[in-house]
N, C-alpha and C. Protein backbone atom coordinates (compact mmCIF):
# COMPACT_ATOMS: atom_id res chain seq x y z
N MET A 1 219.94 205.43 -19.21
CA MET A 1 219.29 204.66 -18.38
C MET A 1 220.23 203.47 -18.02
N THR A 2 220.34 203.23 -16.69
CA THR A 2 221.12 202.02 -16.22
C THR A 2 220.25 201.12 -15.56
N LEU A 3 220.12 199.84 -15.94
CA LEU A 3 219.37 198.79 -15.28
C LEU A 3 220.27 198.03 -14.41
N GLY A 4 219.75 197.83 -13.19
CA GLY A 4 220.45 196.96 -12.17
C GLY A 4 221.69 197.59 -11.53
N GLY A 5 221.68 198.87 -11.48
CA GLY A 5 222.80 199.59 -10.87
C GLY A 5 222.73 201.02 -10.83
N LYS A 6 223.90 201.73 -10.86
CA LYS A 6 223.94 203.13 -11.06
C LYS A 6 225.15 203.55 -11.60
N ASP A 7 225.21 204.74 -12.14
CA ASP A 7 226.34 205.16 -12.97
C ASP A 7 226.91 206.31 -12.16
N LYS A 8 228.01 206.15 -11.24
CA LYS A 8 228.62 207.01 -10.39
C LYS A 8 229.02 208.39 -11.17
N SER A 9 229.39 208.12 -12.44
CA SER A 9 229.75 209.38 -13.34
C SER A 9 228.67 210.25 -13.72
N ALA A 10 227.55 210.00 -13.44
CA ALA A 10 226.29 210.61 -14.00
C ALA A 10 225.90 211.69 -12.88
N TYR A 11 226.39 211.71 -11.63
CA TYR A 11 225.88 212.55 -10.64
C TYR A 11 226.98 213.02 -9.93
N ILE A 12 226.50 214.22 -9.11
CA ILE A 12 227.59 214.99 -8.30
C ILE A 12 227.26 214.75 -7.00
N GLY A 13 228.22 214.35 -5.96
CA GLY A 13 227.80 214.25 -4.58
C GLY A 13 227.40 212.91 -4.22
N ASP A 14 226.53 212.92 -3.09
CA ASP A 14 226.01 211.73 -2.50
C ASP A 14 224.67 211.41 -3.14
N LEU A 15 224.27 210.10 -3.13
CA LEU A 15 222.86 209.79 -3.34
C LEU A 15 222.22 209.75 -2.03
N TYR A 16 220.95 210.46 -1.97
CA TYR A 16 220.15 210.41 -0.72
C TYR A 16 219.07 209.38 -0.90
N ASP A 17 219.09 208.50 0.10
CA ASP A 17 217.82 207.63 0.14
C ASP A 17 216.43 208.04 0.74
N HIS A 18 215.53 207.69 0.00
CA HIS A 18 214.10 207.97 0.46
C HIS A 18 213.23 206.59 0.35
N SER A 19 212.93 206.22 1.53
CA SER A 19 211.96 204.92 1.56
C SER A 19 210.74 205.16 0.72
N ALA A 20 210.42 204.23 -0.10
CA ALA A 20 209.10 204.35 -0.81
C ALA A 20 207.98 204.09 0.16
N ILE A 21 206.99 204.84 0.00
CA ILE A 21 205.73 204.57 0.77
C ILE A 21 204.88 203.43 0.40
N THR A 22 204.56 202.54 1.31
CA THR A 22 203.83 201.41 0.96
C THR A 22 202.51 201.31 1.62
N LYS A 23 201.72 202.47 1.77
CA LYS A 23 200.37 202.46 2.40
C LYS A 23 199.42 203.43 1.59
N ASN A 24 198.34 203.35 1.98
CA ASN A 24 197.38 204.26 1.34
C ASN A 24 197.27 204.33 -0.06
N ASN A 25 197.35 203.11 -0.62
CA ASN A 25 197.35 202.89 -2.18
C ASN A 25 198.63 203.57 -2.90
N LEU A 26 199.58 204.01 -2.06
CA LEU A 26 200.72 204.86 -2.86
C LEU A 26 201.82 203.75 -3.26
N GLN A 27 201.67 202.57 -3.01
CA GLN A 27 202.71 201.59 -3.53
C GLN A 27 202.59 201.35 -4.95
N ILE A 28 201.53 201.85 -5.49
CA ILE A 28 201.55 201.67 -7.02
C ILE A 28 202.42 202.67 -7.72
N TRP A 29 202.94 203.79 -6.97
CA TRP A 29 203.86 204.71 -7.55
C TRP A 29 205.04 204.77 -6.53
N TRP A 30 206.17 205.44 -7.10
CA TRP A 30 207.24 205.58 -6.34
C TRP A 30 206.96 206.89 -5.43
N SER A 31 206.36 206.71 -4.31
CA SER A 31 206.18 207.90 -3.37
C SER A 31 207.00 208.04 -2.24
N VAL A 32 207.27 209.16 -1.97
CA VAL A 32 208.27 209.51 -0.89
C VAL A 32 207.65 210.47 0.10
N ASN A 33 208.12 210.56 1.31
CA ASN A 33 207.61 211.68 2.32
C ASN A 33 207.82 212.95 1.65
N TYR A 34 206.79 213.92 1.72
CA TYR A 34 207.02 215.17 1.19
C TYR A 34 206.72 216.32 2.40
N ASN A 35 207.70 217.03 2.58
CA ASN A 35 207.71 218.21 3.70
C ASN A 35 207.64 219.60 3.33
N GLY A 36 207.16 219.94 1.95
CA GLY A 36 206.85 221.23 1.61
C GLY A 36 207.85 221.62 0.43
N ALA A 37 207.54 222.88 0.03
CA ALA A 37 208.29 223.51 -1.14
C ALA A 37 208.47 225.10 -0.80
N SER A 38 209.50 225.62 -1.19
CA SER A 38 209.75 227.07 -1.10
C SER A 38 210.14 227.69 -2.56
N TYR A 39 209.79 228.99 -2.53
CA TYR A 39 210.46 229.87 -3.82
C TYR A 39 211.31 230.88 -3.03
N ASN A 40 212.57 231.03 -3.43
CA ASN A 40 213.47 232.04 -2.91
C ASN A 40 213.35 232.06 -1.57
N ASN A 41 213.53 230.77 -0.97
CA ASN A 41 213.51 230.39 0.49
C ASN A 41 212.22 230.94 1.26
N GLN A 42 211.15 231.18 0.48
CA GLN A 42 209.93 231.60 1.16
C GLN A 42 208.94 230.23 1.03
N THR A 43 208.58 229.70 2.15
CA THR A 43 207.82 228.58 2.21
C THR A 43 206.37 228.82 1.38
N LEU A 44 206.21 227.89 0.52
CA LEU A 44 204.85 227.79 0.02
C LEU A 44 203.92 227.18 0.80
N ILE A 45 202.80 227.86 1.24
CA ILE A 45 202.03 227.13 2.41
C ILE A 45 200.86 226.39 1.71
N ALA A 46 200.73 225.16 2.09
CA ALA A 46 199.53 224.41 1.58
C ALA A 46 198.50 224.55 2.56
N LYS A 47 197.22 224.66 2.07
CA LYS A 47 196.10 224.85 2.91
C LYS A 47 195.72 223.56 3.62
N ALA A 48 195.92 222.50 2.84
CA ALA A 48 195.80 221.00 3.41
C ALA A 48 197.06 220.44 3.43
N PRO A 49 197.39 219.62 4.53
CA PRO A 49 198.59 219.12 4.63
C PRO A 49 198.88 217.94 3.44
N VAL A 50 200.01 217.96 2.84
CA VAL A 50 200.24 216.99 1.77
C VAL A 50 201.57 216.39 2.24
N ALA A 51 201.47 215.07 2.38
CA ALA A 51 202.54 214.20 2.94
C ALA A 51 203.28 213.49 2.00
N TYR A 52 202.81 213.43 0.73
CA TYR A 52 203.56 212.46 -0.15
C TYR A 52 203.89 213.10 -1.45
N ALA A 53 205.01 212.76 -2.12
CA ALA A 53 205.41 213.20 -3.38
C ALA A 53 205.63 211.89 -4.27
N ILE A 54 205.04 211.92 -5.41
CA ILE A 54 205.12 210.66 -6.38
C ILE A 54 206.28 211.23 -7.31
N ILE A 55 207.35 210.42 -7.35
CA ILE A 55 208.38 210.72 -8.41
C ILE A 55 207.96 209.98 -9.60
N ASP A 56 207.80 210.61 -10.71
CA ASP A 56 207.23 209.90 -11.86
C ASP A 56 207.84 210.38 -13.22
N SER A 57 208.56 209.47 -13.71
CA SER A 57 209.16 209.70 -15.17
C SER A 57 208.11 209.81 -16.25
N GLY A 58 206.84 209.30 -15.97
CA GLY A 58 205.94 209.48 -17.03
C GLY A 58 205.06 210.73 -16.98
N THR A 59 205.49 211.66 -16.22
CA THR A 59 204.82 213.00 -16.11
C THR A 59 205.86 214.11 -16.37
N SER A 60 205.50 214.75 -17.30
CA SER A 60 206.47 215.88 -17.83
C SER A 60 206.57 216.97 -16.78
N PHE A 61 205.39 217.52 -16.17
CA PHE A 61 205.38 218.68 -15.23
C PHE A 61 205.77 218.20 -13.85
N ILE A 62 205.92 219.35 -12.95
CA ILE A 62 205.80 219.26 -11.55
C ILE A 62 204.51 219.61 -11.26
N TYR A 63 203.78 218.82 -10.39
CA TYR A 63 202.37 219.13 -9.94
C TYR A 63 202.37 219.44 -8.39
N LEU A 64 202.35 220.74 -8.02
CA LEU A 64 202.33 221.15 -6.63
C LEU A 64 200.95 220.88 -6.12
N PRO A 65 200.77 220.77 -4.79
CA PRO A 65 199.41 220.96 -4.20
C PRO A 65 198.99 222.41 -4.64
N GLU A 66 197.52 222.36 -4.97
CA GLU A 66 196.95 223.67 -5.43
C GLU A 66 197.19 224.97 -4.82
N SER A 67 197.16 224.95 -3.44
CA SER A 67 197.51 226.16 -2.82
C SER A 67 198.86 226.56 -2.68
N GLU A 68 199.89 225.50 -2.77
CA GLU A 68 201.38 225.85 -2.92
C GLU A 68 201.71 226.52 -4.35
N TYR A 69 200.89 225.88 -5.32
CA TYR A 69 200.87 226.32 -6.75
C TYR A 69 200.48 227.65 -6.86
N TYR A 70 199.42 228.20 -6.26
CA TYR A 70 198.98 229.59 -6.40
C TYR A 70 199.95 230.61 -5.67
N ALA A 71 200.50 229.99 -4.58
CA ALA A 71 201.51 231.02 -3.95
C ALA A 71 202.74 231.11 -4.95
N PHE A 72 203.17 230.11 -5.65
CA PHE A 72 204.20 230.09 -6.61
C PHE A 72 203.78 230.89 -7.67
N LYS A 73 202.72 230.79 -8.16
CA LYS A 73 202.31 231.52 -9.32
C LYS A 73 202.19 232.97 -8.98
N ASP A 74 201.75 233.36 -7.85
CA ASP A 74 201.89 234.83 -7.39
C ASP A 74 203.17 235.38 -7.63
N PHE A 75 204.23 234.73 -7.04
CA PHE A 75 205.55 235.14 -7.32
C PHE A 75 205.94 235.33 -8.87
N LEU A 76 205.57 234.37 -9.60
CA LEU A 76 205.99 234.37 -11.14
C LEU A 76 205.08 235.43 -11.78
N GLY A 77 203.86 235.66 -11.48
CA GLY A 77 202.96 236.56 -12.06
C GLY A 77 203.48 238.17 -11.91
N ARG A 78 204.35 238.37 -11.03
CA ARG A 78 205.07 239.66 -10.95
C ARG A 78 206.07 239.89 -11.80
N ILE A 79 206.63 238.91 -12.65
CA ILE A 79 207.72 239.01 -13.24
C ILE A 79 207.36 239.59 -14.67
N ASP A 80 208.00 240.58 -15.15
CA ASP A 80 207.80 241.15 -16.36
C ASP A 80 207.81 240.17 -17.64
N GLY A 81 206.78 239.99 -18.38
CA GLY A 81 206.84 239.20 -19.54
C GLY A 81 206.21 237.92 -19.33
N MET A 82 205.90 237.44 -17.96
CA MET A 82 205.49 236.20 -17.77
C MET A 82 203.92 236.22 -17.55
N ASP A 83 203.34 235.33 -18.25
CA ASP A 83 201.78 235.23 -18.28
C ASP A 83 201.37 233.92 -17.40
N CYS A 84 200.70 234.02 -16.33
CA CYS A 84 200.36 233.07 -15.59
C CYS A 84 198.71 232.96 -15.66
N SER A 85 198.08 233.17 -16.64
CA SER A 85 196.66 233.22 -16.82
C SER A 85 196.04 231.76 -17.08
N GLN A 86 196.95 230.84 -17.47
CA GLN A 86 196.55 229.48 -17.72
C GLN A 86 196.82 228.64 -16.67
N LEU A 87 196.86 227.22 -16.93
CA LEU A 87 197.31 226.34 -15.93
C LEU A 87 198.60 226.14 -15.56
N TYR A 88 199.51 227.02 -16.26
CA TYR A 88 200.97 226.90 -16.00
C TYR A 88 201.39 228.37 -16.59
N CYS A 89 202.52 228.79 -16.11
CA CYS A 89 202.93 230.10 -16.54
C CYS A 89 203.90 230.00 -17.69
N PHE A 90 203.88 231.09 -18.57
CA PHE A 90 204.77 231.05 -19.82
C PHE A 90 205.13 232.40 -20.21
N SER A 91 205.81 232.68 -21.15
CA SER A 91 206.13 233.87 -21.69
C SER A 91 206.03 233.80 -23.38
N ASN A 92 205.39 234.63 -24.00
CA ASN A 92 205.37 234.73 -25.44
C ASN A 92 206.31 235.73 -25.92
N THR A 93 206.88 236.49 -24.86
CA THR A 93 207.65 237.73 -25.37
C THR A 93 209.17 237.58 -24.95
N LYS A 94 209.48 236.68 -23.78
CA LYS A 94 210.89 236.51 -23.58
C LYS A 94 211.31 235.15 -23.50
N THR A 95 212.55 234.87 -23.77
CA THR A 95 213.17 233.44 -23.77
C THR A 95 213.37 233.01 -22.31
N CYS A 96 213.68 231.82 -22.13
CA CYS A 96 213.97 231.43 -20.77
C CYS A 96 215.38 232.07 -20.21
N GLU A 97 216.26 232.26 -21.24
CA GLU A 97 217.61 232.78 -20.90
C GLU A 97 217.40 234.23 -20.33
N ILE A 98 216.46 234.96 -21.01
CA ILE A 98 216.19 236.22 -20.52
C ILE A 98 215.46 236.41 -19.23
N LEU A 99 214.39 235.38 -18.92
CA LEU A 99 213.61 235.40 -17.81
C LEU A 99 214.31 234.81 -16.68
N ALA A 100 215.27 233.89 -16.70
CA ALA A 100 215.99 233.19 -15.65
C ALA A 100 216.59 234.17 -14.53
N PRO A 101 217.24 235.18 -14.96
CA PRO A 101 217.97 236.08 -14.00
C PRO A 101 216.93 236.84 -13.14
N SER A 102 215.69 236.92 -13.56
CA SER A 102 214.65 237.57 -12.75
C SER A 102 213.77 236.75 -11.73
N MET A 103 214.25 235.31 -11.96
CA MET A 103 213.47 234.30 -11.14
C MET A 103 214.39 233.83 -10.00
N LYS A 104 213.79 233.02 -9.19
CA LYS A 104 214.49 232.50 -8.12
C LYS A 104 214.45 230.93 -7.99
N SER A 105 215.14 230.37 -7.19
CA SER A 105 215.24 228.93 -7.03
C SER A 105 214.10 228.38 -6.37
N LEU A 106 213.62 227.30 -6.81
CA LEU A 106 212.56 226.50 -6.22
C LEU A 106 213.06 225.24 -5.48
N SER A 107 212.54 225.04 -4.26
CA SER A 107 213.06 223.86 -3.50
C SER A 107 211.90 222.93 -2.89
N PHE A 108 212.31 221.75 -2.89
CA PHE A 108 211.48 220.59 -2.28
C PHE A 108 212.04 219.91 -1.18
N VAL A 109 211.26 219.57 -0.16
CA VAL A 109 211.89 218.90 1.05
C VAL A 109 211.28 217.46 0.93
N LEU A 110 212.15 216.34 0.76
CA LEU A 110 211.81 215.03 0.71
C LEU A 110 212.37 214.44 2.04
N ASP A 111 211.46 213.89 2.85
CA ASP A 111 212.12 213.47 4.10
C ASP A 111 212.78 214.79 4.85
N ALA A 112 214.03 214.70 5.18
CA ALA A 112 214.73 215.91 5.73
C ALA A 112 215.67 216.57 4.69
N THR A 113 215.73 216.07 3.45
CA THR A 113 216.65 216.58 2.45
C THR A 113 215.90 217.52 1.55
N THR A 114 216.56 218.79 1.21
CA THR A 114 216.10 219.70 0.43
C THR A 114 216.89 219.56 -0.92
N TYR A 115 215.94 219.58 -1.71
CA TYR A 115 216.42 219.63 -3.26
C TYR A 115 216.02 220.85 -3.93
N THR A 116 217.09 221.71 -4.25
CA THR A 116 216.94 223.01 -4.92
C THR A 116 217.22 223.04 -6.35
N ILE A 117 216.37 223.75 -7.11
CA ILE A 117 216.42 223.86 -8.64
C ILE A 117 216.50 225.34 -8.87
N PRO A 118 217.52 225.81 -9.52
CA PRO A 118 217.46 227.24 -9.96
C PRO A 118 216.73 227.37 -11.09
N PRO A 119 216.39 228.50 -11.56
CA PRO A 119 215.38 228.84 -12.63
C PRO A 119 215.71 227.98 -13.94
N LEU A 120 216.94 227.92 -14.37
CA LEU A 120 217.24 227.40 -15.61
C LEU A 120 216.89 225.70 -15.50
N GLY A 121 216.83 225.15 -14.28
CA GLY A 121 216.45 223.80 -14.08
C GLY A 121 215.03 223.58 -14.09
N TYR A 122 214.20 224.56 -13.99
CA TYR A 122 212.76 224.26 -14.11
C TYR A 122 212.17 225.10 -15.25
N LEU A 123 212.90 225.90 -15.92
CA LEU A 123 212.29 226.52 -17.07
C LEU A 123 212.48 225.59 -18.36
N LEU A 124 211.55 225.73 -19.50
CA LEU A 124 211.71 224.92 -20.52
C LEU A 124 211.39 225.74 -21.76
N THR A 125 212.41 225.67 -22.54
CA THR A 125 212.25 226.21 -24.01
C THR A 125 211.49 225.27 -25.03
N PRO A 126 210.33 225.70 -25.43
CA PRO A 126 209.68 224.85 -26.18
C PRO A 126 210.12 224.65 -27.68
N ASP A 127 209.77 223.71 -28.34
CA ASP A 127 210.25 223.46 -29.69
C ASP A 127 209.71 224.50 -30.58
N TRP A 128 209.84 224.61 -31.84
CA TRP A 128 209.48 225.66 -32.78
C TRP A 128 207.97 225.62 -32.94
N GLN A 129 207.34 224.62 -32.63
CA GLN A 129 205.81 224.55 -32.91
C GLN A 129 205.12 225.30 -32.05
N TYR A 130 205.71 225.83 -30.77
CA TYR A 130 204.77 226.39 -29.82
C TYR A 130 205.00 228.02 -30.12
N THR A 131 203.91 228.69 -29.57
CA THR A 131 204.13 230.05 -29.70
C THR A 131 204.74 230.74 -28.52
N GLU A 132 204.74 230.03 -27.44
CA GLU A 132 205.44 230.47 -26.26
C GLU A 132 206.98 230.31 -26.44
N LYS A 133 207.71 231.24 -25.86
CA LYS A 133 209.14 231.36 -25.96
C LYS A 133 209.77 230.68 -24.79
N CYS A 134 208.92 230.66 -23.69
CA CYS A 134 209.40 229.83 -22.47
C CYS A 134 208.25 229.46 -21.66
N LEU A 135 208.37 228.16 -21.18
CA LEU A 135 207.41 227.53 -20.31
C LEU A 135 207.89 227.44 -18.80
N VAL A 136 207.04 227.45 -17.95
CA VAL A 136 207.22 226.98 -16.52
C VAL A 136 206.35 225.71 -16.51
N PRO A 137 207.01 224.55 -16.53
CA PRO A 137 206.14 223.34 -16.70
C PRO A 137 205.92 222.81 -15.28
N ILE A 138 205.09 223.73 -14.46
CA ILE A 138 204.59 223.45 -13.17
C ILE A 138 203.13 223.88 -13.08
N SER A 139 202.42 222.97 -12.51
CA SER A 139 200.90 223.26 -12.38
C SER A 139 200.52 222.70 -10.96
N TYR A 140 199.32 222.17 -10.88
CA TYR A 140 198.84 221.81 -9.66
C TYR A 140 197.81 220.50 -9.55
N THR A 141 197.82 219.85 -8.41
CA THR A 141 196.85 218.89 -8.21
C THR A 141 196.01 219.40 -7.24
N PRO A 142 194.73 219.12 -7.11
CA PRO A 142 193.80 219.56 -6.09
C PRO A 142 194.36 219.34 -4.63
N ASP A 143 194.21 220.17 -3.87
CA ASP A 143 194.58 220.16 -2.44
C ASP A 143 193.95 218.80 -1.72
N SER A 144 192.78 218.56 -2.24
CA SER A 144 192.05 217.29 -1.54
C SER A 144 192.64 216.10 -1.88
N GLN A 145 193.43 215.98 -3.00
CA GLN A 145 194.28 214.73 -3.25
C GLN A 145 195.33 214.57 -2.31
N LYS A 146 195.83 215.47 -1.58
CA LYS A 146 196.81 215.33 -0.76
C LYS A 146 198.24 214.60 -1.26
N ILE A 147 198.51 214.86 -2.48
CA ILE A 147 199.63 214.42 -3.23
C ILE A 147 200.33 215.52 -4.03
N MET A 148 201.58 215.31 -4.38
CA MET A 148 202.14 216.15 -5.37
C MET A 148 202.86 215.34 -6.28
N ILE A 149 203.30 215.72 -7.55
CA ILE A 149 203.87 214.91 -8.54
C ILE A 149 205.31 215.57 -8.87
N LEU A 150 206.37 214.98 -8.67
CA LEU A 150 207.58 215.37 -9.23
C LEU A 150 207.99 214.61 -10.48
N GLY A 151 207.58 215.19 -11.69
CA GLY A 151 207.75 214.78 -12.88
C GLY A 151 209.20 214.94 -13.48
N ASP A 152 209.35 214.87 -14.87
CA ASP A 152 210.49 215.01 -15.62
C ASP A 152 211.20 216.34 -15.22
N THR A 153 210.34 217.40 -15.12
CA THR A 153 210.85 218.77 -14.79
C THR A 153 211.84 218.55 -13.53
N PHE A 154 211.43 217.88 -12.52
CA PHE A 154 212.42 217.68 -11.42
C PHE A 154 213.28 216.66 -11.72
N MET A 155 213.06 215.69 -12.22
CA MET A 155 214.01 214.41 -12.50
C MET A 155 215.14 214.77 -13.50
N ARG A 156 214.99 215.68 -14.38
CA ARG A 156 216.09 216.11 -15.40
C ARG A 156 217.16 216.89 -14.45
N ASN A 157 216.88 217.29 -13.28
CA ASN A 157 217.88 217.94 -12.37
C ASN A 157 218.50 217.02 -11.49
N PHE A 158 217.95 215.87 -11.24
CA PHE A 158 218.45 214.90 -10.17
C PHE A 158 218.51 213.54 -10.73
N TYR A 159 219.69 212.96 -10.56
CA TYR A 159 219.87 211.59 -11.00
C TYR A 159 218.94 210.72 -10.04
N THR A 160 218.30 209.91 -10.70
CA THR A 160 217.35 209.09 -9.82
C THR A 160 217.40 207.52 -9.90
N VAL A 161 217.56 206.94 -8.81
CA VAL A 161 217.61 205.51 -8.75
C VAL A 161 216.40 204.84 -8.17
N PHE A 162 215.70 204.08 -8.84
CA PHE A 162 214.45 203.43 -8.36
C PHE A 162 215.04 202.00 -7.89
N ASP A 163 215.20 201.77 -6.48
CA ASP A 163 215.70 200.42 -6.00
C ASP A 163 214.68 199.65 -5.65
N PHE A 164 214.30 198.73 -6.49
CA PHE A 164 213.27 197.77 -6.31
C PHE A 164 213.65 196.86 -5.00
N LYS A 165 214.84 196.36 -4.93
CA LYS A 165 215.13 195.49 -3.98
C LYS A 165 215.07 196.28 -2.57
N GLY A 166 215.54 197.42 -2.43
CA GLY A 166 215.49 198.03 -1.21
C GLY A 166 214.33 198.86 -1.01
N ASN A 167 213.32 198.98 -1.95
CA ASN A 167 212.18 199.83 -2.02
C ASN A 167 212.45 201.08 -1.54
N LYS A 168 213.50 201.80 -2.22
CA LYS A 168 213.77 203.24 -2.00
C LYS A 168 213.90 204.06 -3.37
N VAL A 169 213.81 205.24 -3.25
CA VAL A 169 214.24 206.18 -4.41
C VAL A 169 215.40 206.99 -3.81
N LYS A 170 216.42 206.86 -4.74
CA LYS A 170 217.70 207.57 -4.39
C LYS A 170 218.01 208.86 -5.49
N LEU A 171 218.41 209.91 -4.81
CA LEU A 171 218.48 211.13 -5.69
C LEU A 171 219.88 211.81 -5.30
N ALA A 172 220.37 212.40 -6.42
CA ALA A 172 221.72 213.16 -6.27
C ALA A 172 221.61 214.24 -7.56
N VAL A 173 222.42 215.20 -7.19
CA VAL A 173 222.47 216.27 -8.44
C VAL A 173 222.96 215.49 -9.73
N ASN A 174 222.19 215.66 -10.89
CA ASN A 174 222.56 215.16 -12.05
C ASN A 174 223.62 216.00 -12.79
N LYS A 175 224.67 215.32 -13.07
CA LYS A 175 225.74 216.03 -13.65
C LYS A 175 225.52 216.71 -14.96
N ALA A 176 224.53 216.11 -15.67
CA ALA A 176 224.25 216.80 -17.00
C ALA A 176 223.13 217.77 -16.98
N ASN A 177 222.70 218.17 -15.73
CA ASN A 177 221.68 219.16 -15.83
C ASN A 177 222.14 220.59 -16.20
N ALA A 178 221.20 221.50 -16.51
CA ALA A 178 221.53 222.81 -17.01
C ALA A 178 222.36 223.77 -16.17
N TRP A 179 222.56 223.43 -14.83
CA TRP A 179 223.26 224.34 -13.93
C TRP A 179 224.20 223.59 -13.09
N ALA A 180 224.53 222.29 -13.27
CA ALA A 180 225.50 221.58 -12.48
C ALA A 180 226.76 222.30 -12.22
N ASP A 181 227.23 222.75 -13.12
CA ASP A 181 228.49 223.56 -13.13
C ASP A 181 228.56 224.94 -12.39
C-alpha cells in the first residue's frame, strides 16, 4: 500500500483514469461508469441496464449484475469438473491449474477502457480448510440494484489508485498478478 502517491514499479503500462461518480448516493463508494462484461469476447447481456461499478477492496468477490452472472455461469457450467449449483462456481475434483486451460478470459468495460482477466486471474485456490480445490469468486447482485462490485478478485489483477484530490480511480495491470508475464 502506498499512501499519498503511486508506485510506478508496481504496474505495467499506463494508469487509466476513471472519474468517480458523485450522484445517486454512489459517492459513498468508489463508483465508476460500467459498460458491460464479456466472457471469451461474448457479451454478457444484462436484462436491466447497469451503469455503475463499485471498486471495493472490502469485498472479496466480483459481483456481476444477476442476468450477466447467469450468462457467465452458463459458460462455466459446461466445463468438466465445475459445479455451479451454489451462489458461485467451484470444483471439488480439479485444481485451478487444471481448470484454467479450459476456461476463457473475463473482461469488464469501465468508461471506454476494457480490463481483461485470464482464468488464472479470477480463479482462487482455497486454503486447506475448504473441500473445494478451486473457487470462482464471482457471484451476483440483483439486477434491480443496477450496480456491480469489483472486489479483490478484480483488484488483485490491477494496480488501483484511489485519488481523493482528483476524485478518480486509476487502474493499470498489476505487475505482481498471476498472469502479468
